[in-house]
PDB file of N, CA and C in Angstrom:
ATOM      1  N   MET A   1     -46.589 -21.882 -11.282  1.00  0.00           N
ATOM      2  CA  MET A   1     -45.056 -23.151 -11.568  1.00  0.00           C
ATOM      3  C   MET A   1     -45.858 -25.068 -11.076  1.00  0.00           C
ATOM      4  N   ASP A   2     -45.684 -25.443 -11.986  1.00  0.00           N
ATOM      5  CA  ASP A   2     -46.355 -26.732 -11.482  1.00  0.00           C
ATOM      6  C   ASP A   2     -45.307 -27.396 -10.991  1.00  0.00           C
ATOM      7  N   GLU A   3     -45.246 -28.418  -9.845  1.00  0.00           N
ATOM      8  CA  GLU A   3     -44.530 -29.273  -9.671  1.00  0.00           C
ATOM      9  C   GLU A   3     -43.322 -29.704 -10.143  1.00  0.00           C
ATOM     10  N   ALA A   4     -43.300 -30.102 -11.680  1.00  0.00           N
ATOM     11  CA  ALA A   4     -41.976 -30.615 -12.512  1.00  0.00           C
ATOM     12  C   ALA A   4     -41.749 -29.469 -12.875  1.00  0.00           C
ATOM     13  N   SER A   5     -42.051 -28.001 -12.843  1.00  0.00           N
ATOM     14  CA  SER A   5     -41.486 -27.243 -13.192  1.00  0.00           C
ATOM     15  C   SER A   5     -40.059 -27.095 -12.108  1.00  0.00           C
ATOM     16  N   ILE A   6     -40.541 -26.749 -10.531  1.00  0.00           N
ATOM     17  CA  ILE A   6     -40.078 -26.793  -9.382  1.00  0.00           C
ATOM     18  C   ILE A   6     -38.672 -27.629  -9.611  1.00  0.00           C
ATOM     19  N   PHE A   7     -38.854 -28.773  -9.758  1.00  0.00           N
ATOM     20  CA  PHE A   7     -38.191 -30.099  -9.585  1.00  0.00           C
ATOM     21  C   PHE A   7     -37.100 -29.424 -10.897  1.00  0.00           C
ATOM     22  N   GLN A   8     -37.696 -29.096 -12.153  1.00  0.00           N
ATOM     23  CA  GLN A   8     -36.478 -28.813 -12.961  1.00  0.00           C
ATOM     24  C   GLN A   8     -35.265 -27.873 -12.688  1.00  0.00           C
ATOM     25  N   GLU A   9     -36.600 -26.709 -11.913  1.00  0.00           N
ATOM     26  CA  GLU A   9     -35.408 -25.522 -11.628  1.00  0.00           C
ATOM     27  C   GLU A   9     -34.413 -25.946 -10.554  1.00  0.00           C
ATOM     28  N   PHE A  10     -34.731 -27.071  -9.433  1.00  0.00           N
ATOM     29  CA  PHE A  10     -33.657 -27.774  -8.694  1.00  0.00           C
ATOM     30  C   PHE A  10     -32.715 -28.227  -9.042  1.00  0.00           C
ATOM     31  N   ASP A  11     -33.142 -28.938 -10.014  1.00  0.00           N
ATOM     32  CA  ASP A  11     -32.120 -30.242 -10.863  1.00  0.00           C
ATOM     33  C   ASP A  11     -30.889 -28.658 -11.395  1.00  0.00           C
ATOM     34  N   ARG A  12     -31.363 -27.811 -12.332  1.00  0.00           N
ATOM     35  CA  ARG A  12     -30.726 -27.144 -12.610  1.00  0.00           C
ATOM     36  C   ARG A  12     -30.161 -26.279 -11.699  1.00  0.00           C
ATOM     37  N   LEU A  13     -30.290 -25.811 -10.841  1.00  0.00           N
ATOM     38  CA  LEU A  13     -29.616 -25.284  -9.549  1.00  0.00           C
ATOM     39  C   LEU A  13     -28.392 -25.941  -9.165  1.00  0.00           C
ATOM     40  N   GLU A  14     -28.782 -27.453  -9.041  1.00  0.00           N
ATOM     41  CA  GLU A  14     -27.944 -28.751  -8.467  1.00  0.00           C
ATOM     42  C   GLU A  14     -26.788 -28.854 -10.006  1.00  0.00           C
ATOM     43  N   SER A  15     -27.316 -29.118 -10.610  1.00  0.00           N
ATOM     44  CA  SER A  15     -26.219 -29.109 -11.748  1.00  0.00           C
ATOM     45  C   SER A  15     -25.094 -27.840 -11.575  1.00  0.00           C
ATOM     46  N   LYS A  16     -25.703 -26.603 -11.407  1.00  0.00           N
ATOM     47  CA  LYS A  16     -24.979 -25.150 -11.699  1.00  0.00           C
ATOM     48  C   LYS A  16     -24.253 -25.653 -10.242  1.00  0.00           C
ATOM     49  N   ILE A  17     -24.382 -25.619  -9.066  1.00  0.00           N
ATOM     50  CA  ILE A  17     -24.190 -25.935  -8.013  1.00  0.00           C
ATOM     51  C   ILE A  17     -22.734 -26.757  -8.039  1.00  0.00           C
ATOM     52  N   ASN A  18     -23.185 -27.854  -8.163  1.00  0.00           N
ATOM     53  CA  ASN A  18     -21.733 -29.395  -8.487  1.00  0.00           C
ATOM     54  C   ASN A  18     -20.951 -28.375  -9.607  1.00  0.00           C
ATOM     55  N   GLY A  19     -21.196 -28.086 -10.462  1.00  0.00           N
ATOM     56  CA  GLY A  19     -20.199 -27.462 -11.507  1.00  0.00           C
ATOM     57  C   GLY A  19     -19.633 -26.527 -10.994  1.00  0.00           C
ATOM     58  N   LEU A  20     -19.532 -26.121 -10.278  1.00  0.00           N
ATOM     59  CA  LEU A  20     -18.976 -24.529  -9.258  1.00  0.00           C
ATOM     60  C   LEU A  20     -18.346 -25.558  -8.304  1.00  0.00           C
ATOM     61  N   ILE A  21     -18.743 -26.637  -7.601  1.00  0.00           N
ATOM     62  CA  ILE A  21     -18.009 -27.199  -6.418  1.00  0.00           C
ATOM     63  C   ILE A  21     -16.999 -27.759  -7.299  1.00  0.00           C
ATOM     64  N   GLN A  22     -16.886 -28.430  -8.707  1.00  0.00           N
ATOM     65  CA  GLN A  22     -15.668 -28.758  -9.244  1.00  0.00           C
ATOM     66  C   GLN A  22     -14.928 -28.269 -10.037  1.00  0.00           C
ATOM     67  N   GLN A  23     -15.459 -26.804  -9.914  1.00  0.00           N
ATOM     68  CA  GLN A  23     -14.434 -25.829 -10.478  1.00  0.00           C
ATOM     69  C   GLN A  23     -13.443 -24.884  -9.257  1.00  0.00           C
ATOM     70  N   CYS A  24     -14.454 -25.063  -7.969  1.00  0.00           N
ATOM     71  CA  CYS A  24     -13.667 -24.606  -7.148  1.00  0.00           C
ATOM     72  C   CYS A  24     -12.828 -25.728  -6.711  1.00  0.00           C
ATOM     73  N   GLU A  25     -12.817 -27.028  -6.486  1.00  0.00           N
ATOM     74  CA  GLU A  25     -11.908 -27.854  -6.278  1.00  0.00           C
ATOM     75  C   GLU A  25     -10.586 -28.052  -7.518  1.00  0.00           C
ATOM     76  N   THR A  26     -10.905 -27.631  -8.674  1.00  0.00           N
ATOM     77  CA  THR A  26      -9.729 -27.714  -9.212  1.00  0.00           C
ATOM     78  C   THR A  26      -9.116 -26.778  -9.209  1.00  0.00           C
ATOM     79  N   LEU A  27      -9.782 -25.320  -8.671  1.00  0.00           N
ATOM     80  CA  LEU A  27      -8.553 -24.505  -8.555  1.00  0.00           C
ATOM     81  C   LEU A  27      -8.290 -24.480  -7.352  1.00  0.00           C
ATOM     82  N   LYS A  28      -8.741 -24.831  -6.375  1.00  0.00           N
ATOM     83  CA  LYS A  28      -7.702 -25.364  -4.924  1.00  0.00           C
ATOM     84  C   LYS A  28      -6.454 -26.507  -5.250  1.00  0.00           C
ATOM     85  N   ARG A  29      -6.591 -27.214  -6.589  1.00  0.00           N
ATOM     86  CA  ARG A  29      -5.779 -28.450  -6.799  1.00  0.00           C
ATOM     87  C   ARG A  29      -4.750 -27.420  -7.281  1.00  0.00           C
ATOM     88  N   GLN A  30      -4.929 -26.539  -8.712  1.00  0.00           N
ATOM     89  CA  GLN A  30      -4.023 -25.730  -9.295  1.00  0.00           C
ATOM     90  C   GLN A  30      -3.434 -24.471  -8.253  1.00  0.00           C
ATOM     91  N   ASN A  31      -3.739 -24.123  -7.192  1.00  0.00           N
ATOM     92  CA  ASN A  31      -3.133 -23.020  -6.424  1.00  0.00           C
ATOM     93  C   ASN A  31      -2.104 -24.184  -5.126  1.00  0.00           C
ATOM     94  N   ALA A  32      -2.402 -25.072  -5.274  1.00  0.00           N
ATOM     95  CA  ALA A  32      -1.607 -26.334  -4.448  1.00  0.00           C
ATOM     96  C   ALA A  32      -0.398 -26.303  -5.224  1.00  0.00           C
ATOM     97  N   GLN A  33      -0.794 -26.546  -6.729  1.00  0.00           N
ATOM     98  CA  GLN A  33       0.242 -26.919  -7.399  1.00  0.00           C
ATOM     99  C   GLN A  33       1.253 -25.939  -7.684  1.00  0.00           C
ATOM    100  N   LEU A  34       0.534 -24.324  -7.717  1.00  0.00           N
ATOM    101  CA  LEU A  34       1.485 -22.798  -8.000  1.00  0.00           C
ATOM    102  C   LEU A  34       1.975 -22.831  -6.408  1.00  0.00           C
ATOM    103  N   GLU A  35       1.554 -22.825  -5.601  1.00  0.00           N
ATOM    104  CA  GLU A  35       2.077 -22.746  -4.414  1.00  0.00           C
ATOM    105  C   GLU A  35       3.322 -23.422  -4.234  1.00  0.00           C
ATOM    106  N   ALA A  36       3.318 -24.919  -4.638  1.00  0.00           N
ATOM    107  CA  ALA A  36       4.403 -26.218  -4.394  1.00  0.00           C
ATOM    108  C   ALA A  36       5.344 -25.576  -5.498  1.00  0.00           C
ATOM    109  N   SER A  37       5.001 -25.388  -6.557  1.00  0.00           N
ATOM    110  CA  SER A  37       5.942 -24.602  -7.656  1.00  0.00           C
ATOM    111  C   SER A  37       6.582 -23.181  -7.486  1.00  0.00           C
ATOM    112  N   ASN A  38       6.019 -22.276  -6.763  1.00  0.00           N
ATOM    113  CA  ASN A  38       6.533 -20.842  -6.243  1.00  0.00           C
ATOM    114  C   ASN A  38       7.664 -21.401  -4.884  1.00  0.00           C
ATOM    115  N   SER A  39       7.030 -21.966  -4.295  1.00  0.00           N
ATOM    116  CA  SER A  39       8.134 -22.510  -2.965  1.00  0.00           C
ATOM    117  C   SER A  39       9.219 -23.227  -3.500  1.00  0.00           C
ATOM    118  N   SER A  40       8.993 -23.773  -4.694  1.00  0.00           N
ATOM    119  CA  SER A  40      10.295 -24.127  -5.026  1.00  0.00           C
ATOM    120  C   SER A  40      11.127 -23.566  -6.241  1.00  0.00           C
ATOM    121  N   LEU A  41      10.515 -22.725  -6.682  1.00  0.00           N
ATOM    122  CA  LEU A  41      11.571 -21.450  -7.335  1.00  0.00           C
ATOM    123  C   LEU A  41      11.830 -20.667  -6.336  1.00  0.00           C
ATOM    124  N   ALA A  42      11.725 -20.242  -5.530  1.00  0.00           N
ATOM    125  CA  ALA A  42      11.985 -19.592  -4.312  1.00  0.00           C
ATOM    126  C   ALA A  42      13.012 -20.157  -3.683  1.00  0.00           C
ATOM    127  N   GLU A  43      12.749 -21.417  -3.448  1.00  0.00           N
ATOM    128  CA  GLU A  43      14.376 -21.855  -2.857  1.00  0.00           C
ATOM    129  C   GLU A  43      15.553 -22.059  -3.614  1.00  0.00           C
ATOM    130  N   GLU A  44      15.109 -22.239  -4.677  1.00  0.00           N
ATOM    131  CA  GLU A  44      16.549 -22.163  -6.270  1.00  0.00           C
ATOM    132  C   GLU A  44      16.650 -20.949  -6.040  1.00  0.00           C
ATOM    133  N   LEU A  45      16.112 -19.975  -6.424  1.00  0.00           N
ATOM    134  CA  LEU A  45      16.273 -18.163  -6.478  1.00  0.00           C
ATOM    135  C   LEU A  45      17.439 -17.953  -5.125  1.00  0.00           C
ATOM    136  N   LEU A  46      17.076 -18.873  -3.780  1.00  0.00           N
ATOM    137  CA  LEU A  46      17.888 -18.854  -2.996  1.00  0.00           C
ATOM    138  C   LEU A  46      19.169 -18.974  -3.210  1.00  0.00           C
ATOM    139  N   GLN A  47      19.401 -20.189  -3.413  1.00  0.00           N
ATOM    140  CA  GLN A  47      20.374 -21.349  -3.529  1.00  0.00           C
ATOM    141  C   GLN A  47      21.611 -20.741  -4.475  1.00  0.00           C
ATOM    142  N   LYS A  48      20.632 -20.140  -5.742  1.00  0.00           N
ATOM    143  CA  LYS A  48      21.360 -19.065  -6.856  1.00  0.00           C
ATOM    144  C   LYS A  48      22.016 -17.841  -6.298  1.00  0.00           C
ATOM    145  N   SER A  49      21.439 -17.519  -5.420  1.00  0.00           N
ATOM    146  CA  SER A  49      21.774 -16.165  -5.023  1.00  0.00           C
ATOM    147  C   SER A  49      23.094 -16.029  -3.723  1.00  0.00           C
ATOM    148  N   GLU A  50      22.802 -17.425  -3.036  1.00  0.00           N
ATOM    149  CA  GLU A  50      23.776 -17.774  -2.155  1.00  0.00           C
ATOM    150  C   GLU A  50      24.962 -18.180  -2.921  1.00  0.00           C
ATOM    151  N   ALA A  51      24.809 -19.017  -4.148  1.00  0.00           N
ATOM    152  CA  ALA A  51      25.584 -19.185  -4.732  1.00  0.00           C
ATOM    153  C   ALA A  51      26.776 -18.058  -6.169  1.00  0.00           C
ATOM    154  N   GLU A  52      26.232 -17.173  -6.164  1.00  0.00           N
ATOM    155  CA  GLU A  52      26.426 -16.154  -6.809  1.00  0.00           C
ATOM    156  C   GLU A  52      27.164 -14.908  -5.687  1.00  0.00           C
ATOM    157  N   GLN A  53      26.828 -15.211  -4.678  1.00  0.00           N
ATOM    158  CA  GLN A  53      27.358 -14.361  -3.512  1.00  0.00           C
ATOM    159  C   GLN A  53      28.788 -15.255  -3.326  1.00  0.00           C
ATOM    160  N   LYS A  54      28.785 -16.220  -3.258  1.00  0.00           N
ATOM    161  CA  LYS A  54      29.921 -16.869  -2.953  1.00  0.00           C
ATOM    162  C   LYS A  54      30.732 -16.509  -3.589  1.00  0.00           C
ATOM    163  N   LEU A  55      30.739 -16.674  -5.092  1.00  0.00           N
ATOM    164  CA  LEU A  55      31.476 -16.328  -6.132  1.00  0.00           C
ATOM    165  C   LEU A  55      31.733 -15.098  -6.723  1.00  0.00           C
ATOM    166  N   VAL A  56      31.145 -13.791  -6.062  1.00  0.00           N
ATOM    167  CA  VAL A  56      31.580 -12.628  -6.013  1.00  0.00           C
ATOM    168  C   VAL A  56      32.886 -12.542  -4.914  1.00  0.00           C
ATOM    169  N   GLU A  57      32.692 -13.309  -3.279  1.00  0.00           N
ATOM    170  CA  GLU A  57      33.649 -13.359  -2.503  1.00  0.00           C
ATOM    171  C   GLU A  57      34.857 -13.769  -2.870  1.00  0.00           C
ATOM    172  N   GLU A  58      34.691 -14.854  -3.622  1.00  0.00           N
ATOM    173  CA  GLU A  58      35.822 -15.849  -4.570  1.00  0.00           C
ATOM    174  C   GLU A  58      36.773 -14.656  -5.378  1.00  0.00           C
ATOM    175  N   ARG A  59      35.509 -14.377  -6.216  1.00  0.00           N
ATOM    176  CA  ARG A  59      36.516 -13.417  -7.115  1.00  0.00           C
ATOM    177  C   ARG A  59      37.279 -12.201  -6.244  1.00  0.00           C
ATOM    178  N   ASN A  60      36.692 -11.371  -5.178  1.00  0.00           N
ATOM    179  CA  ASN A  60      36.981 -10.570  -4.408  1.00  0.00           C
ATOM    180  C   ASN A  60      38.714 -10.969  -3.862  1.00  0.00           C
ATOM    181  N   LEU A  61      38.468 -12.235  -3.525  1.00  0.00           N
ATOM    182  CA  LEU A  61      39.742 -12.836  -2.905  1.00  0.00           C
ATOM    183  C   LEU A  61      40.808 -12.745  -4.061  1.00  0.00           C
ATOM    184  N   VAL A  62      40.232 -13.656  -5.227  1.00  0.00           N
ATOM    185  CA  VAL A  62      41.456 -13.837  -6.079  1.00  0.00           C
ATOM    186  C   VAL A  62      41.725 -12.207  -6.509  1.00  0.00           C
ATOM    187  N   ARG A  63      41.407 -11.360  -6.988  1.00  0.00           N
ATOM    188  CA  ARG A  63      41.563 -10.365  -7.070  1.00  0.00           C
ATOM    189  C   ARG A  63      42.074  -9.570  -5.994  1.00  0.00           C
ATOM    190  N   SER A  64      42.075  -9.699  -4.845  1.00  0.00           N
ATOM    191  CA  SER A  64      43.150  -9.118  -3.581  1.00  0.00           C
ATOM    192  C   SER A  64      44.261  -9.775  -3.538  1.00  0.00           C
ATOM    193  N   ARG A  65      44.016 -11.053  -4.207  1.00  0.00           N
ATOM    194  CA  ARG A  65      45.372 -11.831  -4.134  1.00  0.00           C
ATOM    195  C   ARG A  65      46.408 -11.532  -5.307  1.00  0.00           C
ATOM    196  N   ILE A  66      45.935 -11.600  -6.218  1.00  0.00           N
ATOM    197  CA  ILE A  66      46.265 -10.691  -7.484  1.00  0.00           C
ATOM    198  C   ILE A  66      47.541  -9.626  -7.305  1.00  0.00           C
ATOM    199  N   ASP A  67      46.414  -8.821  -7.232  1.00  0.00           N
ATOM    200  CA  ASP A  67      46.735  -7.209  -6.630  1.00  0.00           C
ATOM    201  C   ASP A  67      47.960  -7.479  -5.658  1.00  0.00           C
ATOM    202  N   GLY A  68      48.318  -8.153  -4.551  1.00  0.00           N
ATOM    203  CA  GLY A  68      48.998  -8.444  -3.833  1.00  0.00           C
ATOM    204  C   GLY A  68      50.221  -8.918  -4.767  1.00  0.00           C
ATOM    205  N   LEU A  69      50.090  -9.717  -5.534  1.00  0.00           N
ATOM    206  CA  LEU A  69      51.530 -10.204  -6.064  1.00  0.00           C
ATOM    207  C   LEU A  69      51.783  -9.271  -7.025  1.00  0.00           C
ATOM    208  N   LEU A  70      51.092  -8.422  -7.643  1.00  0.00           N
ATOM    209  CA  LEU A  70      51.294  -7.488  -8.700  1.00  0.00           C
ATOM    210  C   LEU A  70      52.456  -6.555  -7.874  1.00  0.00           C
ATOM    211  N   ALA A  71      51.492  -6.386  -6.630  1.00  0.00           N
ATOM    212  CA  ALA A  71      52.476  -5.155  -5.698  1.00  0.00           C
ATOM    213  C   ALA A  71      54.044  -5.546  -5.146  1.00  0.00           C
ATOM    214  N   ARG A  72      54.179  -6.857  -5.290  1.00  0.00           N
ATOM    215  CA  ARG A  72      55.185  -7.658  -4.939  1.00  0.00           C
ATOM    216  C   ARG A  72      56.006  -7.632  -6.314  1.00  0.00           C
ATOM    217  N   VAL A  73      54.985  -7.706  -7.221  1.00  0.00           N
ATOM    218  CA  VAL A  73      56.042  -7.598  -8.561  1.00  0.00           C
ATOM    219  C   VAL A  73      56.713  -6.441  -9.191  1.00  0.00           C
ATOM    220  N   ASN A  74      56.306  -5.428  -8.990  1.00  0.00           N
ATOM    221  CA  ASN A  74      56.565  -3.966  -9.271  1.00  0.00           C
ATOM    222  C   ASN A  74      57.623  -3.713  -7.777  1.00  0.00           C
ATOM    223  N   GLU A  75      57.147  -4.144  -6.949  1.00  0.00           N
ATOM    224  CA  GLU A  75      58.467  -3.514  -5.941  1.00  0.00           C
ATOM    225  C   GLU A  75      59.275  -4.268  -6.243  1.00  0.00           C
ATOM    226  N   SER A  76      59.497  -5.407  -6.835  1.00  0.00           N
ATOM    227  CA  SER A  76      60.919  -6.342  -6.967  1.00  0.00           C
ATOM    228  C   SER A  76      61.670  -5.781  -7.834  1.00  0.00           C
ATOM    229  N   ILE A  77      60.786  -5.237  -8.861  1.00  0.00           N
ATOM    230  CA  ILE A  77      61.065  -4.606 -10.303  1.00  0.00           C
ATOM    231  C   ILE A  77      61.788  -3.265  -9.475  1.00  0.00           C
ATOM    232  N   GLY A  78      60.896  -2.222  -8.716  1.00  0.00           N
ATOM    233  CA  GLY A  78      61.471  -1.033  -8.208  1.00  0.00           C
ATOM    234  C   GLY A  78      62.536  -1.199  -7.591  1.00  0.00           C
ATOM    235  N   THR A  79      63.102  -2.388  -6.747  1.00  0.00           N
ATOM    236  CA  THR A  79      64.208  -2.740  -6.396  1.00  0.00           C
ATOM    237  C   THR A  79      65.615  -2.935  -6.942  1.00  0.00           C
ATOM    238  N   GLU A  80      65.112  -3.650  -8.199  1.00  0.00           N
ATOM    239  CA  GLU A  80      66.086  -3.939  -9.267  1.00  0.00           C
ATOM    240  C   GLU A  80      66.258  -3.045 -10.471  1.00  0.00           C
ATOM    241  N   GLN A  81      65.493  -1.970 -10.393  1.00  0.00           N
ATOM    242  CA  GLN A  81      65.922  -0.643 -10.849  1.00  0.00           C
ATOM    243  C   GLN A  81      66.765   0.196 -10.237  1.00  0.00           C
ATOM    244  N   GLU A  82      66.815  -0.156  -8.855  1.00  0.00           N
ATOM    245  CA  GLU A  82      67.174   0.842  -8.204  1.00  0.00           C
ATOM    246  C   GLU A  82      69.095   0.336  -7.639  1.00  0.00           C
ATOM    247  N   GLN A  83      68.601  -1.058  -7.781  1.00  0.00           N
ATOM    248  CA  GLN A  83      70.139  -1.586  -7.762  1.00  0.00           C
ATOM    249  C   GLN A  83      70.810  -1.071  -8.904  1.00  0.00           C
ATOM    250  N   GLU A  84      70.233  -1.237  -9.760  1.00  0.00           N
ATOM    251  CA  GLU A  84      70.621  -0.997 -11.216  1.00  0.00           C
ATOM    252  C   GLU A  84      71.100   0.493 -11.542  1.00  0.00           C
ATOM    253  N   GLU A  85      70.620   1.730 -11.138  1.00  0.00           N
ATOM    254  CA  GLU A  85      70.853   2.716 -10.666  1.00  0.00           C
ATOM    255  C   GLU A  85      72.153   2.810  -9.960  1.00  0.00           C
ATOM    256  N   GLU A  86      71.972   2.174  -9.012  1.00  0.00           N
ATOM    257  CA  GLU A  86      73.676   2.096  -7.828  1.00  0.00           C
ATOM    258  C   GLU A  86      74.545   1.911  -8.983  1.00  0.00           C
ATOM    259  N   TYR A  87      74.726   0.607  -9.201  1.00  0.00           N
ATOM    260  CA  TYR A  87      75.645   0.341  -9.597  1.00  0.00           C
ATOM    261  C   TYR A  87      75.698   1.194 -11.511  1.00  0.00           C
ATOM    262  N   ASN A  88      74.981   2.024 -11.874  1.00  0.00           N
ATOM    263  CA  ASN A  88      75.400   2.602 -12.831  1.00  0.00           C
ATOM    264  C   ASN A  88      76.268   3.462 -12.377  1.00  0.00           C
ATOM    265  N   ILE A  89      75.545   4.068 -11.291  1.00  0.00           N
ATOM    266  CA  ILE A  89      76.014   5.426 -10.967  1.00  0.00           C
ATOM    267  C   ILE A  89      77.669   5.444 -10.093  1.00  0.00           C
ATOM    268  N   GLU A  90      78.196   4.361  -9.949  1.00  0.00           N
ATOM    269  CA  GLU A  90      79.067   4.418  -9.324  1.00  0.00           C
ATOM    270  C   GLU A  90      80.238   3.718 -10.026  1.00  0.00           C
TER     271      GLU A  90
END
């Protein structure tokens, strides 16, 4: 192998190494972007989960209040029916 061939081989290896370095830097940038995106999506998911939990709690509160109102209405209807029965018996 003569000196020119050796330099050509070094140039070829240097070119490959530079390509690998560029590819590595590109992958590092992409990885950083993906990590930022992942972090953003995780935060968004957390916020949506918290909002969903709040809605579930509000729905349960509304349901409980409606059940209470219905119980009062039923109790009132029952009381009225008892009073009507008392008046009809006498």
